[in-house]
Protein backbone atom coordinates (compact mmCIF):
# COMPACT_ATOMS: atom_id res chain seq x y z
CA MET A 1 103.28 40.20 3.97
CA SER A 2 100.04 38.25 4.01
CA GLU A 3 99.13 35.57 6.50
CA ILE A 4 99.77 31.98 5.43
CA LYS A 5 96.49 30.23 4.70
CA SER A 6 95.81 26.96 6.48
CA LEU A 7 93.63 24.33 4.79
CA VAL A 8 92.47 20.81 5.37
CA PHE A 9 92.08 18.59 2.33
CA TYR A 10 89.44 15.93 2.85
CA ILE A 11 90.18 13.00 0.55
CA SER A 12 87.35 10.59 -0.17
CA LYS A 13 86.61 7.66 -2.46
CA TYR A 14 82.89 8.38 -2.04
CA SER A 15 80.58 10.76 -3.86
CA PRO A 16 80.39 14.31 -2.48
CA LYS A 17 76.97 13.60 -0.94
CA GLU A 18 78.17 10.40 0.78
CA SER A 19 81.39 12.10 1.88
CA LYS A 20 79.61 15.02 3.51
CA LYS A 21 77.54 12.58 5.58
CA LYS A 22 80.75 10.99 6.87
CA ILE A 23 82.31 14.29 7.98
CA GLU A 24 81.27 14.95 11.56
CA ASP A 25 81.71 18.72 11.56
CA LEU A 26 79.39 20.74 9.40
CA LEU A 27 81.96 22.61 7.37
CA ASP A 28 81.73 24.88 4.38
CA LEU A 29 83.79 22.78 1.99
CA TYR A 30 84.84 23.50 -1.55
CA ILE A 31 84.10 20.33 -3.53
CA VAL A 32 86.37 18.91 -6.22
CA ASP A 33 84.59 15.90 -7.75
CA ILE A 34 87.22 14.39 -10.03
CA SER A 35 84.82 11.81 -11.50
CA LYS A 36 82.55 14.69 -12.58
CA ILE A 37 85.47 16.56 -14.13
CA ILE A 38 86.43 13.43 -16.08
CA LYS A 39 82.82 12.92 -17.19
CA ASP A 40 82.36 16.59 -18.14
CA LEU A 41 85.49 16.43 -20.31
CA GLY A 42 84.18 13.25 -21.96
CA TYR A 43 87.18 11.09 -21.02
CA ASP A 44 87.57 7.44 -20.16
CA THR A 45 90.44 7.02 -17.70
CA LYS A 46 91.33 3.61 -19.13
CA ASP A 47 92.29 5.11 -22.47
CA LEU A 48 93.87 8.54 -22.00
CA SER A 49 96.33 10.07 -24.44
CA VAL A 50 99.18 12.25 -23.18
CA GLN A 51 97.26 15.33 -24.30
CA SER A 52 94.10 14.16 -22.52
CA GLU A 53 96.03 13.54 -19.31
CA PHE A 54 97.48 17.05 -19.53
CA ILE A 55 94.04 18.62 -19.99
CA LEU A 56 92.56 16.51 -17.20
CA ASN A 57 95.38 17.40 -14.76
CA TYR A 58 95.11 21.07 -15.71
CA SER A 59 91.34 21.03 -15.08
CA ILE A 60 91.75 19.32 -11.70
CA HIS A 61 94.54 21.70 -10.63
CA LYS A 62 92.49 24.70 -11.72
CA LYS A 63 89.52 23.52 -9.65
CA ILE A 64 91.69 22.83 -6.57
CA ASN A 65 93.39 26.23 -6.98
CA HIS A 66 90.01 27.91 -7.06
CA GLY A 67 89.12 26.19 -3.78
CA ILE A 68 92.41 27.14 -2.14
CA TYR A 69 91.93 30.82 -2.84
CA ASN A 70 88.18 30.82 -2.11
CA SER A 71 88.03 32.77 1.13
CA LYS A 72 84.66 31.34 2.15
CA CYS A 73 85.61 27.67 2.38
CA GLU A 74 86.93 25.93 5.48
CA GLY A 75 88.51 23.07 3.56
CA ILE A 76 88.55 21.25 0.26
CA LEU A 77 86.74 17.96 -0.28
CA ILE A 78 88.35 15.94 -3.08
CA CYS A 79 86.24 13.00 -4.20
CA TYR A 80 87.77 10.37 -6.45
CA ARG A 81 87.20 6.61 -6.51
CA GLY A 82 90.57 6.03 -8.17
CA ASN A 83 92.49 7.31 -5.18
CA SER A 84 96.01 5.85 -5.36
CA PRO A 85 99.49 6.56 -3.98
CA ASP A 86 100.33 8.29 -7.30
CA PHE A 87 97.28 10.49 -6.93
CA MET A 88 98.35 11.54 -3.43
CA ASP A 89 101.97 12.12 -4.52
CA ASN A 90 100.74 14.36 -7.33
CA LEU A 91 98.42 16.25 -4.99
CA VAL A 92 101.20 16.87 -2.44
CA SER A 93 103.57 18.03 -5.21
CA PHE A 94 100.92 20.36 -6.58
CA VAL A 95 100.21 21.94 -3.17
CA GLU A 96 103.88 22.33 -2.32
CA GLU A 97 104.60 24.08 -5.63
CA LEU A 98 101.93 26.76 -5.22
CA GLN A 99 103.15 30.33 -5.67
CA GLU A 100 101.74 31.33 -2.30
CA PRO A 101 102.66 28.74 0.34
CA ILE A 102 99.90 27.29 2.48
CA GLU A 103 99.83 25.14 5.57
CA TYR A 104 97.88 22.01 4.81
CA SER A 105 96.87 18.66 6.17
CA PHE A 106 95.00 15.67 4.80
CA ASN A 107 92.03 13.97 6.36
CA PHE A 108 91.02 10.69 4.73
CA ILE A 109 87.33 9.82 4.80
CA ASN A 110 86.66 6.12 5.24
């Protein structure tokens, strides 16, 4: 049986560059820039269809998953200006439903 991975999720409303300046420890973080994912997919969050929401969520989950199983990172930095209680609820649900359980904590960057 493999060891349970432990990760810290750094949640920020700032850009990745601004966020890294606010983190005191120099960590090797896997960056998930949700605004960039939205932009790269060509979406406007004010007018998303059900299909667009599905694709966007899938893309975000895929990126976070990649960070979780990246053995080189010490944590995951998630940058998103639209941070809301729904966003956090969805993130917690996603992490708790992973096939391989992980120990996790959240650190909010202000």
